[in-house]
Amino acid sequence: MSYSNAQGLLNQYSQVATETGVMEASPHRLIQMLIDGALEKLAAAKGYMERGNMSEKSRHISWAASIVHGLRMSLDRNAGGEIAANLDALYVYMGGRLMEANKENSSATIDEVVGLLKVIKSGWDAIPQSAAPAAMENQPAMKAARSL
């Protein structure tokens, strides 16, 4: 088996594993997976930036920005009160910073967004799965993530 065939099989396995994980994940876990995905895309974007591959850098920053937008759309502004409002503003800020990072080729700006995402992630990671609100199941982002 050639390297390219093995790599293709590995990519297919990874995609199936991810899809299975999404289908079986709780809404709480889906948010964690989205944040992890954004962090992975930003790490890849920095690598592409360092190697001078600007098209892949842009693609991965855009991918991360789409995930951040999805996180923003998953907020329940009615039930979430001040926390949801603060997260909404933070997600808007991060989206803007990612556009700047892409335009200016700024790894420091990517690092800033990574730091913010890690703070949010630590909050989600501290919530026990059993305590995550069941109402999240009906959020548009949850329905969209499950339909992928």
Protein backbone atom coordinates (compact mmCIF):
# COMPACT_ATOMS: atom_id res chain seq x y z
CA MET A 1 0.00 0.00 0.00
CA SER A 2 1.40 3.39 -0.96
CA TYR A 3 1.69 6.33 1.40
CA SER A 4 -1.03 8.25 -0.44
CA ASN A 5 -3.43 5.29 -0.24
CA ALA A 6 -2.70 4.87 3.46
CA GLN A 7 -3.19 8.59 4.05
CA GLY A 8 -6.51 8.47 2.17
CA LEU A 9 -7.73 5.56 4.27
CA LEU A 10 -6.63 7.33 7.44
CA ASN A 11 -8.55 10.45 6.40
CA GLN A 12 -11.67 8.40 5.66
CA TYR A 13 -11.42 6.63 9.02
CA SER A 14 -10.99 9.96 10.79
CA GLN A 15 -14.06 11.40 9.03
CA VAL A 16 -16.21 8.39 9.95
CA ALA A 17 -14.99 8.49 13.55
CA THR A 18 -15.79 12.21 13.78
CA GLU A 19 -19.25 11.77 12.25
CA THR A 20 -19.99 8.92 14.66
CA GLY A 21 -18.81 11.05 17.58
CA VAL A 22 -21.06 13.92 16.53
CA MET A 23 -24.10 11.66 16.16
CA GLU A 24 -23.60 10.17 19.61
CA ALA A 25 -22.52 13.35 21.41
CA SER A 26 -24.62 15.27 23.89
CA PRO A 27 -25.19 18.97 23.17
CA HIS A 28 -22.62 19.73 25.88
CA ARG A 29 -20.05 17.50 24.17
CA LEU A 30 -20.85 19.02 20.76
CA ILE A 31 -19.88 22.47 22.05
CA GLN A 32 -16.63 21.03 23.40
CA MET A 33 -15.97 19.37 20.03
CA LEU A 34 -16.62 22.62 18.18
CA ILE A 35 -14.19 24.52 20.39
CA ASP A 36 -11.60 21.76 19.95
CA GLY A 37 -12.13 21.97 16.19
CA ALA A 38 -11.61 25.72 16.14
CA LEU A 39 -8.41 25.33 18.18
CA GLU A 40 -7.14 22.67 15.76
CA LYS A 41 -7.89 24.85 12.74
CA LEU A 42 -6.08 27.81 14.30
CA ALA A 43 -3.03 25.69 15.13
CA ALA A 44 -2.97 24.49 11.52
CA ALA A 45 -3.39 28.06 10.25
CA LYS A 46 -0.35 29.17 12.25
CA GLY A 47 1.67 26.31 10.79
CA TYR A 48 0.65 27.22 7.27
CA MET A 49 1.45 30.87 8.00
CA GLU A 50 4.94 29.94 9.19
CA ARG A 51 5.53 27.88 6.04
CA GLY A 52 4.25 30.65 3.77
CA ASN A 53 1.22 28.73 2.50
CA MET A 54 -1.20 31.64 2.56
CA SER A 55 -4.11 29.93 0.82
CA GLU A 56 -4.22 27.13 3.41
CA LYS A 57 -3.69 29.65 6.20
CA SER A 58 -6.70 31.60 4.98
CA ARG A 59 -8.79 28.47 4.56
CA HIS A 60 -8.10 27.30 8.11
CA ILE A 61 -8.69 30.73 9.65
CA SER A 62 -11.98 30.95 7.75
CA TRP A 63 -12.89 27.47 8.97
CA ALA A 64 -12.17 28.48 12.58
CA ALA A 65 -14.17 31.69 12.11
CA SER A 66 -17.12 29.62 10.83
CA ILE A 67 -16.92 27.46 13.94
CA VAL A 68 -16.85 30.54 16.18
CA HIS A 69 -19.89 31.84 14.29
CA GLY A 70 -21.63 28.50 14.86
CA LEU A 71 -20.88 28.75 18.57
CA ARG A 72 -22.39 32.22 18.56
CA MET A 73 -25.52 30.99 16.79
CA SER A 74 -25.93 28.20 19.35
CA LEU A 75 -26.37 30.68 22.21
CA ASP A 76 -29.78 30.77 23.84
CA ARG A 77 -30.03 34.50 24.43
CA ASN A 78 -33.36 34.18 26.27
CA ALA A 79 -32.32 31.55 28.79
CA GLY A 80 -28.63 32.52 28.89
CA GLY A 81 -29.11 36.06 30.15
CA GLU A 82 -25.95 38.02 30.85
CA ILE A 83 -23.66 35.05 30.21
CA ALA A 84 -25.09 34.54 26.72
CA ALA A 85 -24.82 38.28 26.01
CA ASN A 86 -21.18 38.30 27.11
CA LEU A 87 -20.37 35.21 25.05
CA ASP A 88 -22.14 36.75 22.06
CA ALA A 89 -19.96 39.85 22.29
CA LEU A 90 -16.84 37.73 22.76
CA TYR A 91 -17.62 35.57 19.72
CA VAL A 92 -18.19 38.72 17.62
CA TYR A 93 -14.85 40.08 18.85
CA MET A 94 -13.06 36.81 18.05
CA GLY A 95 -14.55 36.75 14.55
CA GLY A 96 -13.25 40.25 13.92
CA ARG A 97 -9.82 39.39 15.29
CA LEU A 98 -9.64 36.33 13.04
CA MET A 99 -10.36 38.51 10.00
CA GLU A 100 -7.54 40.81 11.13
CA ALA A 101 -5.19 37.87 11.71
CA ASN A 102 -5.88 36.63 8.20
CA LYS A 103 -5.40 40.03 6.60
CA GLU A 104 -2.27 40.94 8.57
CA ASN A 105 -0.72 37.44 8.79
CA SER A 106 -0.55 37.91 12.53
CA SER A 107 0.21 34.81 14.56
CA ALA A 108 -0.04 36.97 17.71
CA THR A 109 -3.68 37.74 16.86
CA ILE A 110 -4.35 34.05 16.31
CA ASP A 111 -2.75 33.38 19.70
CA GLU A 112 -5.09 35.93 21.27
CA VAL A 113 -8.15 34.13 19.90
CA VAL A 114 -6.71 30.76 20.91
CA GLY A 115 -6.29 32.09 24.45
CA LEU A 116 -9.91 33.26 24.56
CA LEU A 117 -11.19 29.96 23.21
CA LYS A 118 -9.16 28.08 25.81
CA VAL A 119 -10.77 30.12 28.59
CA ILE A 120 -14.22 29.30 27.23
CA LYS A 121 -13.20 25.67 26.80
CA SER A 122 -12.03 25.45 30.40
CA GLY A 123 -15.47 26.63 31.50
CA TRP A 124 -17.22 24.01 29.40
CA ASP A 125 -14.80 21.33 30.55
CA ALA A 126 -15.58 22.17 34.18
CA ILE A 127 -19.30 21.51 33.69
CA PRO A 128 -20.16 17.86 34.37
CA GLN A 129 -21.87 16.25 31.37
CA SER A 130 -24.85 15.39 33.56
CA ALA A 131 -25.33 19.03 34.54
CA ALA A 132 -25.43 20.36 30.97
CA PRO A 133 -28.91 21.70 30.19
CA ALA A 134 -31.14 19.36 28.20
CA ALA A 135 -32.66 22.43 26.55
CA MET A 136 -29.50 22.76 24.46
CA GLU A 137 -30.77 19.84 22.39
CA ASN A 138 -33.24 22.12 20.59
CA GLN A 139 -30.74 24.85 19.71
CA PRO A 140 -30.25 25.45 15.95
CA ALA A 141 -26.51 24.73 16.07
CA MET A 142 -27.14 21.40 17.75
CA LYS A 143 -29.65 20.38 15.10
CA ALA A 144 -27.28 21.53 12.33
CA ALA A 145 -24.30 19.69 13.83
CA ARG A 146 -26.26 16.47 14.02
CA SER A 147 -27.38 16.78 10.38
CA LEU A 148 -23.83 17.01 9.03
